[in-house]
N, C-alpha and C. Protein backbone atom coordinates (compact mmCIF):
# COMPACT_ATOMS: atom_id res chain seq x y z
N MET A 1 -16.65 -29.01 -0.17
CA MET A 1 -15.86 -28.07 -0.93
C MET A 1 -15.03 -27.18 -0.01
N ARG A 2 -15.62 -26.79 1.13
CA ARG A 2 -14.88 -25.95 2.06
C ARG A 2 -13.69 -26.71 2.65
N PHE A 3 -13.85 -28.01 2.89
CA PHE A 3 -12.76 -28.78 3.46
C PHE A 3 -11.61 -28.95 2.48
N ILE A 4 -11.94 -29.08 1.20
CA ILE A 4 -10.87 -29.19 0.20
C ILE A 4 -10.07 -27.90 0.15
N LEU A 5 -10.75 -26.76 0.16
CA LEU A 5 -10.08 -25.48 0.16
C LEU A 5 -9.25 -25.30 1.44
N LEU A 6 -9.77 -25.73 2.57
CA LEU A 6 -9.04 -25.64 3.83
C LEU A 6 -7.79 -26.52 3.81
N ILE A 7 -7.89 -27.70 3.24
CA ILE A 7 -6.73 -28.59 3.14
C ILE A 7 -5.66 -27.98 2.24
N ILE A 8 -6.08 -27.37 1.14
CA ILE A 8 -5.12 -26.73 0.24
C ILE A 8 -4.43 -25.55 0.92
N VAL A 9 -5.22 -24.71 1.59
CA VAL A 9 -4.65 -23.52 2.24
C VAL A 9 -3.72 -23.90 3.38
N LEU A 10 -4.06 -24.92 4.16
CA LEU A 10 -3.20 -25.33 5.27
C LEU A 10 -2.08 -26.27 4.83
N GLY A 11 -2.29 -26.98 3.74
CA GLY A 11 -1.29 -27.94 3.28
C GLY A 11 -0.14 -27.31 2.51
N PHE A 12 -0.38 -26.20 1.81
CA PHE A 12 0.69 -25.59 1.02
C PHE A 12 1.88 -25.14 1.87
N PRO A 13 1.69 -24.45 3.00
CA PRO A 13 2.86 -24.07 3.80
C PRO A 13 3.64 -25.28 4.33
N VAL A 14 2.94 -26.35 4.66
CA VAL A 14 3.63 -27.55 5.16
C VAL A 14 4.48 -28.16 4.05
N ILE A 15 3.90 -28.29 2.86
CA ILE A 15 4.64 -28.84 1.73
C ILE A 15 5.79 -27.91 1.34
N ASP A 16 5.55 -26.61 1.44
CA ASP A 16 6.58 -25.63 1.10
C ASP A 16 7.76 -25.71 2.08
N LEU A 17 7.48 -25.82 3.36
CA LEU A 17 8.56 -25.94 4.34
C LEU A 17 9.31 -27.27 4.19
N TYR A 18 8.60 -28.34 3.90
CA TYR A 18 9.24 -29.63 3.67
C TYR A 18 10.17 -29.56 2.46
N THR A 19 9.71 -28.93 1.40
CA THR A 19 10.55 -28.76 0.21
C THR A 19 11.76 -27.89 0.51
N THR A 20 11.59 -26.89 1.33
CA THR A 20 12.71 -26.02 1.69
C THR A 20 13.76 -26.77 2.49
N VAL A 21 13.32 -27.60 3.42
CA VAL A 21 14.26 -28.39 4.22
C VAL A 21 15.04 -29.36 3.32
N ARG A 22 14.33 -30.01 2.41
CA ARG A 22 15.00 -30.94 1.48
C ARG A 22 15.97 -30.20 0.56
N PHE A 23 15.57 -29.03 0.09
CA PHE A 23 16.42 -28.24 -0.79
C PHE A 23 17.64 -27.71 -0.04
N ALA A 24 17.46 -27.34 1.24
CA ALA A 24 18.59 -26.86 2.04
C ALA A 24 19.58 -28.00 2.30
N ARG A 25 19.08 -29.19 2.54
CA ARG A 25 19.98 -30.34 2.71
C ARG A 25 20.75 -30.62 1.43
N TRP A 26 20.07 -30.53 0.29
CA TRP A 26 20.69 -30.82 -1.00
C TRP A 26 21.77 -29.80 -1.35
N THR A 27 21.55 -28.51 -1.03
CA THR A 27 22.52 -27.47 -1.36
C THR A 27 23.57 -27.27 -0.27
N GLY A 28 23.28 -27.66 0.95
CA GLY A 28 24.22 -27.47 2.04
C GLY A 28 24.09 -26.11 2.72
N VAL A 29 23.13 -25.31 2.30
CA VAL A 29 22.89 -24.00 2.91
C VAL A 29 21.87 -24.20 4.03
N PRO A 30 22.08 -23.59 5.20
CA PRO A 30 21.12 -23.76 6.30
C PRO A 30 19.72 -23.25 5.94
N VAL A 31 18.72 -23.86 6.55
CA VAL A 31 17.33 -23.50 6.27
C VAL A 31 17.06 -22.05 6.65
N TRP A 32 17.60 -21.62 7.78
CA TRP A 32 17.35 -20.25 8.22
C TRP A 32 17.90 -19.25 7.22
N ALA A 33 18.98 -19.59 6.50
CA ALA A 33 19.54 -18.67 5.51
C ALA A 33 18.58 -18.53 4.32
N TRP A 34 17.98 -19.65 3.86
CA TRP A 34 17.00 -19.58 2.77
C TRP A 34 15.80 -18.73 3.19
N LEU A 35 15.33 -18.96 4.41
CA LEU A 35 14.15 -18.23 4.87
C LEU A 35 14.45 -16.74 5.07
N ALA A 36 15.62 -16.44 5.62
CA ALA A 36 15.99 -15.04 5.85
C ALA A 36 16.21 -14.29 4.54
N MET A 37 16.88 -14.94 3.58
CA MET A 37 17.13 -14.28 2.30
C MET A 37 15.82 -13.97 1.56
N SER A 38 14.90 -14.91 1.57
CA SER A 38 13.64 -14.67 0.86
C SER A 38 12.80 -13.62 1.58
N PHE A 39 12.82 -13.60 2.92
CA PHE A 39 12.08 -12.59 3.66
C PHE A 39 12.63 -11.20 3.40
N ILE A 40 13.96 -11.08 3.37
CA ILE A 40 14.59 -9.78 3.10
C ILE A 40 14.27 -9.32 1.68
N ALA A 41 14.28 -10.26 0.73
CA ALA A 41 13.93 -9.91 -0.66
C ALA A 41 12.48 -9.44 -0.76
N GLY A 42 11.57 -10.09 -0.05
CA GLY A 42 10.17 -9.68 -0.07
C GLY A 42 9.96 -8.32 0.57
N ALA A 43 10.62 -8.08 1.70
CA ALA A 43 10.49 -6.79 2.36
C ALA A 43 11.07 -5.66 1.50
N TYR A 44 12.19 -5.93 0.84
CA TYR A 44 12.81 -4.94 -0.04
C TYR A 44 11.91 -4.64 -1.25
N LEU A 45 11.30 -5.68 -1.82
CA LEU A 45 10.41 -5.49 -2.97
C LEU A 45 9.18 -4.70 -2.57
N LEU A 46 8.60 -4.99 -1.41
CA LEU A 46 7.42 -4.25 -0.95
C LEU A 46 7.75 -2.79 -0.64
N ARG A 47 8.92 -2.55 -0.07
CA ARG A 47 9.31 -1.18 0.25
C ARG A 47 9.51 -0.37 -1.02
N ASN A 48 10.20 -0.94 -2.00
CA ASN A 48 10.42 -0.22 -3.25
C ASN A 48 9.12 -0.01 -4.02
N GLU A 49 8.21 -0.97 -3.96
CA GLU A 49 6.94 -0.82 -4.66
C GLU A 49 6.08 0.24 -4.00
N ARG A 50 6.18 0.39 -2.70
CA ARG A 50 5.42 1.44 -2.02
C ARG A 50 5.87 2.82 -2.52
N LEU A 51 7.17 2.99 -2.70
CA LEU A 51 7.68 4.27 -3.19
C LEU A 51 7.35 4.46 -4.67
N ALA A 52 7.44 3.40 -5.46
CA ALA A 52 7.16 3.51 -6.90
C ALA A 52 5.68 3.71 -7.17
N PHE A 53 4.81 3.19 -6.30
CA PHE A 53 3.37 3.34 -6.50
C PHE A 53 2.95 4.80 -6.39
N ARG A 54 3.57 5.52 -5.49
CA ARG A 54 3.25 6.94 -5.35
C ARG A 54 3.59 7.69 -6.63
N ALA A 55 4.77 7.42 -7.18
CA ALA A 55 5.19 8.10 -8.42
C ALA A 55 4.30 7.70 -9.59
N ALA A 56 3.91 6.43 -9.67
CA ALA A 56 3.04 5.98 -10.76
C ALA A 56 1.65 6.58 -10.64
N THR A 57 1.16 6.76 -9.44
CA THR A 57 -0.16 7.36 -9.25
C THR A 57 -0.15 8.83 -9.66
N ILE A 58 0.90 9.53 -9.31
CA ILE A 58 1.01 10.94 -9.71
C ILE A 58 1.14 11.05 -11.22
N ALA A 59 1.92 10.15 -11.84
CA ALA A 59 2.05 10.17 -13.30
C ALA A 59 0.72 9.86 -13.97
N ALA A 60 -0.08 8.98 -13.40
CA ALA A 60 -1.39 8.67 -13.96
C ALA A 60 -2.34 9.85 -13.82
N MET A 61 -2.24 10.59 -12.73
CA MET A 61 -3.10 11.75 -12.54
C MET A 61 -2.76 12.87 -13.51
N HIS A 62 -1.50 12.95 -13.91
CA HIS A 62 -1.08 13.96 -14.88
C HIS A 62 -1.30 13.51 -16.32
N GLY A 63 -1.71 12.28 -16.52
CA GLY A 63 -1.96 11.78 -17.87
C GLY A 63 -0.73 11.24 -18.56
N GLU A 64 0.35 11.02 -17.84
CA GLU A 64 1.58 10.54 -18.46
C GLU A 64 1.65 9.03 -18.54
N GLN A 65 0.79 8.35 -17.83
CA GLN A 65 0.83 6.89 -17.76
C GLN A 65 -0.60 6.38 -17.59
N PRO A 66 -0.95 5.27 -18.26
CA PRO A 66 -2.30 4.71 -18.06
C PRO A 66 -2.48 4.22 -16.62
N LEU A 67 -3.64 4.46 -16.05
CA LEU A 67 -3.89 4.13 -14.65
C LEU A 67 -3.97 2.63 -14.43
N LEU A 68 -4.69 1.90 -15.27
CA LEU A 68 -4.90 0.47 -15.06
C LEU A 68 -3.59 -0.30 -15.20
N ARG A 69 -2.75 0.09 -16.14
CA ARG A 69 -1.47 -0.59 -16.32
C ARG A 69 -0.61 -0.46 -15.06
N GLY A 70 -0.60 0.71 -14.45
CA GLY A 70 0.17 0.90 -13.23
C GLY A 70 -0.38 0.11 -12.06
N LEU A 71 -1.71 0.01 -11.96
CA LEU A 71 -2.31 -0.75 -10.87
C LEU A 71 -2.05 -2.24 -11.01
N VAL A 72 -2.15 -2.77 -12.23
CA VAL A 72 -1.90 -4.20 -12.43
C VAL A 72 -0.45 -4.53 -12.14
N ASP A 73 0.45 -3.68 -12.61
CA ASP A 73 1.87 -3.92 -12.38
C ASP A 73 2.21 -3.83 -10.90
N SER A 74 1.64 -2.86 -10.21
CA SER A 74 1.88 -2.72 -8.78
C SER A 74 1.32 -3.91 -8.00
N GLY A 75 0.12 -4.34 -8.35
CA GLY A 75 -0.48 -5.49 -7.68
C GLY A 75 0.33 -6.76 -7.88
N ARG A 76 0.89 -6.92 -9.07
CA ARG A 76 1.73 -8.09 -9.35
C ARG A 76 2.98 -8.08 -8.48
N LYS A 77 3.59 -6.91 -8.34
CA LYS A 77 4.80 -6.82 -7.52
C LYS A 77 4.50 -6.99 -6.03
N VAL A 78 3.37 -6.48 -5.57
CA VAL A 78 3.00 -6.65 -4.16
C VAL A 78 2.72 -8.12 -3.86
N LEU A 79 2.02 -8.80 -4.76
CA LEU A 79 1.75 -10.23 -4.57
C LEU A 79 3.05 -11.03 -4.57
N ALA A 80 3.98 -10.68 -5.44
CA ALA A 80 5.27 -11.36 -5.46
C ALA A 80 6.05 -11.10 -4.17
N GLY A 81 5.99 -9.88 -3.65
CA GLY A 81 6.65 -9.57 -2.39
C GLY A 81 6.07 -10.36 -1.22
N MET A 82 4.75 -10.51 -1.21
CA MET A 82 4.12 -11.30 -0.15
C MET A 82 4.50 -12.78 -0.28
N LEU A 83 4.58 -13.28 -1.50
CA LEU A 83 5.00 -14.67 -1.70
C LEU A 83 6.46 -14.88 -1.28
N PHE A 84 7.30 -13.87 -1.51
CA PHE A 84 8.68 -13.97 -1.04
C PHE A 84 8.74 -14.03 0.48
N MET A 85 7.85 -13.34 1.14
CA MET A 85 7.88 -13.31 2.60
C MET A 85 7.33 -14.59 3.23
N LEU A 86 6.56 -15.36 2.47
CA LEU A 86 6.13 -16.67 2.98
C LEU A 86 7.34 -17.59 3.07
N PRO A 87 7.43 -18.40 4.12
CA PRO A 87 8.60 -19.27 4.24
C PRO A 87 8.53 -20.44 3.26
N GLY A 88 9.53 -20.55 2.41
CA GLY A 88 9.60 -21.70 1.53
C GLY A 88 10.13 -21.40 0.14
N VAL A 89 10.68 -22.42 -0.47
CA VAL A 89 11.27 -22.29 -1.79
C VAL A 89 10.18 -22.29 -2.87
N LEU A 90 9.13 -23.06 -2.70
CA LEU A 90 8.07 -23.11 -3.71
C LEU A 90 7.38 -21.76 -3.87
N SER A 91 7.10 -21.10 -2.78
CA SER A 91 6.47 -19.78 -2.87
C SER A 91 7.43 -18.77 -3.51
N ASP A 92 8.74 -18.93 -3.27
CA ASP A 92 9.72 -18.07 -3.92
C ASP A 92 9.75 -18.30 -5.42
N LEU A 93 9.63 -19.54 -5.84
CA LEU A 93 9.60 -19.84 -7.28
C LEU A 93 8.34 -19.27 -7.93
N ILE A 94 7.22 -19.36 -7.25
CA ILE A 94 5.98 -18.78 -7.77
C ILE A 94 6.12 -17.27 -7.89
N ALA A 95 6.76 -16.63 -6.90
CA ALA A 95 6.98 -15.19 -6.95
C ALA A 95 7.90 -14.81 -8.10
N LEU A 96 8.94 -15.59 -8.34
CA LEU A 96 9.84 -15.30 -9.45
C LEU A 96 9.14 -15.45 -10.79
N VAL A 97 8.30 -16.46 -10.93
CA VAL A 97 7.54 -16.63 -12.16
C VAL A 97 6.57 -15.46 -12.35
N LEU A 98 5.96 -15.03 -11.27
CA LEU A 98 5.03 -13.91 -11.34
C LEU A 98 5.74 -12.62 -11.76
N LEU A 99 6.96 -12.42 -11.27
CA LEU A 99 7.72 -11.24 -11.67
C LEU A 99 8.24 -11.34 -13.10
N ALA A 100 8.49 -12.54 -13.57
CA ALA A 100 9.06 -12.72 -14.91
C ALA A 100 8.01 -12.71 -16.02
N LEU A 101 6.74 -12.86 -15.68
CA LEU A 101 5.70 -12.86 -16.71
C LEU A 101 5.59 -11.50 -17.38
N PRO A 102 5.50 -11.46 -18.69
CA PRO A 102 5.36 -10.17 -19.39
C PRO A 102 3.90 -9.71 -19.40
N ILE A 103 3.38 -9.34 -18.25
CA ILE A 103 1.96 -9.00 -18.14
C ILE A 103 1.67 -7.62 -18.70
N ASN A 104 2.46 -6.64 -18.41
CA ASN A 104 2.16 -5.26 -18.79
C ASN A 104 3.05 -4.74 -19.90
N VAL A 105 3.33 -5.55 -20.87
CA VAL A 105 4.13 -5.09 -21.99
C VAL A 105 3.18 -4.41 -22.97
N GLY A 106 3.38 -3.13 -23.17
CA GLY A 106 2.50 -2.39 -24.06
C GLY A 106 2.87 -2.60 -25.51
N THR A 107 1.89 -2.48 -26.38
CA THR A 107 2.13 -2.59 -27.80
C THR A 107 2.01 -1.22 -28.44
N GLU A 108 2.33 -1.16 -29.71
CA GLU A 108 2.26 0.11 -30.42
C GLU A 108 0.81 0.57 -30.56
N PHE A 109 -0.13 -0.37 -30.60
CA PHE A 109 -1.52 -0.04 -30.83
C PHE A 109 -2.32 0.01 -29.54
N ALA A 110 -1.65 0.08 -28.41
CA ALA A 110 -2.36 0.15 -27.13
C ALA A 110 -3.06 1.50 -27.01
N PRO A 111 -4.21 1.55 -26.36
CA PRO A 111 -4.91 2.83 -26.22
C PRO A 111 -4.13 3.78 -25.32
N HIS A 112 -4.18 5.04 -25.66
CA HIS A 112 -3.45 6.06 -24.91
C HIS A 112 -4.43 6.85 -24.06
N THR A 113 -3.89 7.52 -23.07
CA THR A 113 -4.73 8.35 -22.22
C THR A 113 -4.95 9.70 -22.88
N ALA A 114 -5.79 10.51 -22.29
CA ALA A 114 -6.19 11.77 -22.91
C ALA A 114 -5.07 12.81 -22.89
N GLY A 115 -4.27 12.83 -21.84
CA GLY A 115 -3.23 13.85 -21.73
C GLY A 115 -2.08 13.60 -22.68
N ALA A 116 -1.40 14.67 -23.05
CA ALA A 116 -0.28 14.53 -23.99
C ALA A 116 0.92 13.90 -23.30
N GLY A 117 1.26 14.38 -22.13
CA GLY A 117 2.36 13.80 -21.37
C GLY A 117 3.72 14.20 -21.92
N ARG A 118 4.68 14.35 -21.04
CA ARG A 118 6.03 14.72 -21.46
C ARG A 118 6.82 13.54 -21.97
N TYR A 119 6.56 12.36 -21.45
CA TYR A 119 7.40 11.21 -21.72
C TYR A 119 6.84 10.30 -22.80
N ARG A 120 5.77 10.66 -23.39
CA ARG A 120 5.14 9.82 -24.41
C ARG A 120 5.84 10.03 -25.75
N THR A 121 5.99 8.96 -26.52
CA THR A 121 6.59 9.07 -27.85
C THR A 121 5.56 9.67 -28.79
N PRO A 122 6.02 10.40 -29.80
CA PRO A 122 5.06 11.01 -30.72
C PRO A 122 4.36 9.93 -31.55
N HIS A 123 3.10 10.22 -31.92
CA HIS A 123 2.35 9.28 -32.73
C HIS A 123 2.89 9.29 -34.15
N LYS A 124 2.85 8.15 -34.80
CA LYS A 124 3.29 8.06 -36.19
C LYS A 124 2.16 8.60 -37.07
N THR A 125 2.52 9.49 -38.00
CA THR A 125 1.52 10.07 -38.88
C THR A 125 1.78 9.63 -40.31
N ILE A 126 0.76 9.73 -41.11
CA ILE A 126 0.86 9.42 -42.53
C ILE A 126 0.86 10.75 -43.27
N ASP A 127 1.92 11.03 -44.01
CA ASP A 127 2.01 12.28 -44.76
C ASP A 127 1.34 12.12 -46.11
N GLY A 128 0.78 13.18 -46.61
CA GLY A 128 0.15 13.14 -47.93
C GLY A 128 -0.22 14.55 -48.38
N GLU A 129 -0.69 14.64 -49.60
CA GLU A 129 -1.10 15.92 -50.17
C GLU A 129 -2.61 15.96 -50.28
N TYR A 130 -3.15 17.14 -50.19
CA TYR A 130 -4.59 17.28 -50.35
C TYR A 130 -4.85 18.61 -51.02
N ARG A 131 -6.00 18.75 -51.61
CA ARG A 131 -6.45 20.03 -52.16
C ARG A 131 -7.95 20.15 -51.96
N ARG A 132 -8.39 21.34 -51.81
CA ARG A 132 -9.79 21.59 -51.55
C ARG A 132 -10.53 21.71 -52.89
N ALA A 133 -11.60 20.93 -53.05
CA ALA A 133 -12.42 20.99 -54.25
C ALA A 133 -13.56 21.95 -54.02
N GLU A 134 -13.70 22.91 -54.89
CA GLU A 134 -14.76 23.89 -54.67
C GLU A 134 -15.90 23.74 -55.59
């Protein structure tokens, strides 16, 4: 079982680079350009996520945003940034799919945090009449 996992871990970068070379030949763009563009995209995504994570953590501490939703979204973006930095077109496609998945789309019935928060939409209420029976 360990050897199968080792073959998968070592074989993916080789297959990814082979696919990148074939794709670069097919498009006419040099291989170094594909690798440089994806590395720059990954570094840019990681840098922006580092700055956004600080703001999301502060918003979660103030009760304006759920903590787990911010952590899952941040982890997804960091993993996509690391996949962009790996050399190859296949890892870039996996990163794009990971970014495109609607993982943290909240619904109307999602649980809310305890704090009221400035940016939260007001809850929908049901209006009605009542009278006290004595």
